[in-house]
Protein backbone atom coordinates (compact mmCIF):
# COMPACT_ATOMS: atom_id res chain seq x y z
CA UNK A 1 41.83 13.28 43.19
CA UNK A 2 42.53 12.05 39.68
CA UNK A 3 46.06 11.01 38.74
CA UNK A 4 47.89 14.02 37.28
CA UNK A 5 51.20 14.07 35.44
CA UNK A 6 52.97 17.40 35.00
CA UNK A 7 55.47 17.90 32.17
CA UNK A 8 57.40 21.01 31.24
CA UNK A 9 57.86 21.83 27.55
CA UNK A 10 61.20 21.09 25.88
CA UNK A 11 63.92 23.69 25.45
CA UNK A 12 62.76 26.70 23.44
CA UNK A 13 64.84 29.18 21.46
CA UNK A 14 64.42 31.80 24.20
CA UNK A 15 65.39 29.23 26.86
CA UNK A 16 68.64 28.75 24.98
CA UNK A 17 69.19 32.50 24.67
CA UNK A 18 68.50 33.06 28.37
CA UNK A 19 65.49 35.29 27.69
CA UNK A 20 62.46 35.44 29.96
CA UNK A 21 59.47 34.23 27.97
CA UNK A 22 56.22 34.71 29.83
CA UNK A 23 53.38 34.49 27.33
CA UNK A 24 55.52 35.24 24.27
CA UNK A 25 55.79 32.39 21.80
CA UNK A 26 59.21 30.84 21.23
CA UNK A 27 59.48 27.55 19.28
CA UNK A 28 61.33 24.48 20.45
CA UNK A 29 64.95 24.05 19.48
CA UNK A 30 66.10 20.77 17.92
CA UNK A 31 67.30 19.83 21.39
CA UNK A 32 63.86 20.71 22.80
CA UNK A 33 62.18 18.43 20.26
CA UNK A 34 64.58 15.65 21.27
CA UNK A 35 63.75 16.28 24.93
CA UNK A 36 60.03 15.96 24.19
CA UNK A 37 60.67 12.70 22.32
CA UNK A 38 62.67 11.35 25.27
CA UNK A 39 59.80 12.16 27.66
CA UNK A 40 57.36 10.56 25.22
CA UNK A 41 59.49 7.42 24.95
CA UNK A 42 59.73 7.12 28.73
CA UNK A 43 55.98 7.60 29.20
CA UNK A 44 55.23 5.06 26.49
CA UNK A 45 57.32 2.45 28.33
CA UNK A 46 56.18 3.26 31.87
CA UNK A 47 52.69 4.77 31.82
CA UNK A 48 50.30 2.26 33.34
CA UNK A 49 47.10 3.68 31.84
CA UNK A 50 45.62 2.80 28.45
CA UNK A 51 43.74 6.09 28.37
CA UNK A 52 44.94 9.48 29.49
CA UNK A 53 43.65 12.97 28.72
CA UNK A 54 46.32 15.42 27.59
CA UNK A 55 45.94 19.13 28.32
CA UNK A 56 48.30 21.76 26.96
CA UNK A 57 49.06 25.40 27.53
CA UNK A 58 48.05 27.46 24.46
CA UNK A 59 51.65 28.51 23.79
CA UNK A 60 53.37 26.87 20.83
CA UNK A 61 56.32 25.40 22.75
CA UNK A 62 53.92 23.52 25.05
CA UNK A 63 51.59 22.44 22.25
CA UNK A 64 54.50 21.12 20.20
CA UNK A 65 55.73 19.14 23.21
CA UNK A 66 52.22 17.81 23.88
CA UNK A 67 51.82 16.68 20.28
CA UNK A 68 55.13 14.82 20.33
CA UNK A 69 54.14 13.10 23.57
CA UNK A 70 50.68 12.23 22.26
CA UNK A 71 52.10 10.57 19.16
CA UNK A 72 54.56 8.60 21.28
CA UNK A 73 51.89 7.18 23.59
CA UNK A 74 49.43 6.41 20.78
CA UNK A 75 47.06 9.23 21.58
CA UNK A 76 45.42 11.39 18.94
CA UNK A 77 46.92 14.86 18.53
CA UNK A 78 43.37 16.10 17.90
CA UNK A 79 42.34 14.88 21.37
CA UNK A 80 44.69 17.32 23.13
CA UNK A 81 42.71 19.94 25.07
CA UNK A 82 44.17 23.44 24.81
CA UNK A 83 43.62 24.96 28.26
CA UNK A 84 44.14 28.76 28.56
CA UNK A 85 44.51 28.53 32.34
CA UNK A 86 47.73 26.52 31.86
CA UNK A 87 49.30 29.46 30.05
CA UNK A 88 52.64 30.75 31.32
CA UNK A 89 52.77 33.64 33.79
CA UNK A 90 51.91 36.92 32.06
CA UNK A 91 55.09 38.92 32.69
CA UNK A 92 53.97 42.00 30.81
CA UNK A 93 56.79 44.46 30.09
CA UNK A 94 59.60 42.33 31.51
CA UNK A 95 58.99 39.44 29.08
CA UNK A 96 61.87 39.25 26.63
CA UNK A 97 64.45 40.50 29.15
CA UNK A 98 67.73 38.61 29.09
CA UNK A 99 67.55 36.88 32.47
CA UNK A 100 66.30 37.61 35.98
CA UNK A 101 69.58 39.27 36.94
CA UNK A 102 68.82 41.95 34.36
CA UNK A 103 65.30 42.30 35.75
CA UNK A 104 66.83 42.82 39.20
CA UNK A 105 68.89 45.70 37.78
CA UNK A 106 65.91 47.34 36.12
CA UNK A 107 63.21 46.57 38.71
CA UNK A 108 64.93 45.68 42.03
CA UNK A 109 61.78 45.89 44.16
CA UNK A 110 59.81 43.80 41.68
CA UNK A 111 62.57 41.17 41.51
CA UNK A 112 62.60 40.95 45.30
CA UNK A 113 58.82 40.47 45.42
CA UNK A 114 59.04 37.62 42.91
CA UNK A 115 61.37 35.68 45.20
CA UNK A 116 60.08 36.65 48.63
CA UNK A 117 56.38 37.47 48.25
CA UNK A 118 55.27 36.09 44.86
CA UNK A 119 51.56 36.64 45.48
CA UNK A 120 52.26 40.40 45.37
CA UNK A 121 54.61 40.15 42.37
CA UNK A 122 52.87 42.08 39.57
CA UNK A 123 55.00 43.19 36.61
CA UNK A 124 53.78 46.20 34.59
CA UNK A 125 51.27 45.08 31.99
CA UNK A 126 51.18 41.54 33.40
CA UNK A 127 49.28 39.60 36.03
CA UNK A 128 49.84 39.24 39.75
CA UNK A 129 51.02 36.10 41.47
CA UNK A 130 47.66 35.96 43.25
CA UNK A 131 45.75 36.06 39.94
CA UNK A 132 48.03 33.40 38.46
CA UNK A 133 47.43 31.12 41.45
CA UNK A 134 43.66 31.73 41.27
CA UNK A 135 43.36 30.62 37.64
CA UNK A 136 45.35 27.46 38.32
CA UNK A 137 43.28 26.66 41.41
CA UNK A 138 40.09 27.08 39.37
CA UNK A 139 41.33 24.63 36.76
CA UNK A 140 42.56 22.10 39.33
CA UNK A 141 39.22 22.22 41.13
CA UNK A 142 37.45 21.42 37.86
CA UNK A 143 39.46 18.27 37.16
CA UNK A 144 39.91 17.10 40.76
CA UNK A 145 37.27 14.35 40.66
CA UNK A 146 37.69 13.14 37.07
CA UNK A 147 38.35 9.43 36.70
CA UNK A 148 40.55 9.70 33.61
CA UNK A 149 44.22 10.42 34.40
CA UNK A 150 45.49 13.78 33.17
CA UNK A 151 48.78 14.77 31.55
CA UNK A 152 49.34 18.54 31.76
CA UNK A 153 52.00 19.97 29.44
CA UNK A 154 52.86 23.52 30.32
CA UNK A 155 55.61 25.59 31.95
CA UNK A 156 58.01 25.44 34.87
CA UNK A 157 56.22 28.10 36.91
CA UNK A 158 52.84 26.47 36.26
CA UNK A 159 54.14 23.15 37.56
CA UNK A 160 55.64 24.85 40.61
CA UNK A 161 52.36 26.51 41.52
CA UNK A 162 50.24 23.41 40.93
CA UNK A 163 52.53 21.37 43.18
CA UNK A 164 52.61 24.18 45.72
CA UNK A 165 48.82 24.45 45.75
CA UNK A 166 48.62 20.71 46.36
CA UNK A 167 51.06 20.97 49.28
CA UNK A 168 49.55 24.20 50.65
CA UNK A 169 52.93 25.93 50.35
CA UNK A 170 53.57 29.64 50.65
CA UNK A 171 54.34 31.59 47.49
CA UNK A 172 58.01 31.79 48.45
CA UNK A 173 58.16 28.02 48.92
CA UNK A 174 56.50 27.49 45.53
CA UNK A 175 59.12 29.61 43.76
CA UNK A 176 61.88 27.56 45.40
CA UNK A 177 60.59 24.26 43.98
CA UNK A 178 62.46 22.62 41.11
CA UNK A 179 61.34 22.83 37.48
CA UNK A 180 63.64 20.50 35.55
CA UNK A 181 62.77 19.44 32.00
CA UNK A 182 63.91 15.87 32.76
CA UNK A 183 61.35 15.38 35.53
CA UNK A 184 57.73 14.23 35.39
CA UNK A 185 55.67 15.09 38.45
CA UNK A 186 53.00 12.53 39.38
CA UNK A 187 50.28 13.76 41.70
CA UNK A 188 47.36 11.87 43.24
CA UNK A 189 45.64 11.48 46.59
CA UNK A 190 48.58 9.73 48.22
CA UNK A 191 51.74 11.15 46.68
CA UNK A 192 53.59 13.95 44.96
CA UNK A 193 56.26 11.95 43.15
CA UNK A 194 59.18 13.28 41.12
CA UNK A 195 60.01 10.85 38.31
CA UNK A 196 63.43 11.51 36.82
CA UNK A 197 63.76 10.24 33.27
CA UNK A 198 66.73 7.85 33.59
CA UNK A 199 69.73 8.25 31.30
CA UNK A 200 68.16 11.48 30.10
CA UNK A 201 71.00 12.63 27.87
CA UNK A 202 71.46 9.16 26.39
CA UNK A 203 67.89 9.33 25.09
CA UNK A 204 68.61 12.58 23.26
CA UNK A 205 70.46 12.37 19.96
CA UNK A 206 73.57 14.53 19.51
């Protein structure tokens, strides 16, 4: 398996407001831009490959993060591959809701499925957990044997599922994985490594 690095986009405006995003676009905040620059700076100092292929979710918050990272590691912004299968989970009618607690009030059975049986989680107008997993598996199968290392810039839930697929976890176990914006996940044949960006807040200007 090729070396894969997973990065979550920086803080978006809806992240700050506590709104569930799904496939809605929400731009990075100033803090989110600073987060992306901190990740880029860390990768520039520690990445051991001269060449790496960057893939991004089609959503603006991920693309903006990917472009900042590309510039920081001397990669061309034009070389970034926009990959639709790295898009965030399509949450349909519940996207835009102010937090999962509110979703639990409005759709208690749906909220329970999301946590306990995510493959059967299927919000109205959105996609199912099983469909989401299938599109990520298809993409991962395509890049599995590539020699060039890959940097995938997307979303917390995408990173959870990719790591879960690699570990053959249940849907419930995938949902319980972490999704911090200060962590880079490095996957290859021998490891699933969590790389915490050291002194994270010190790298981000006030």
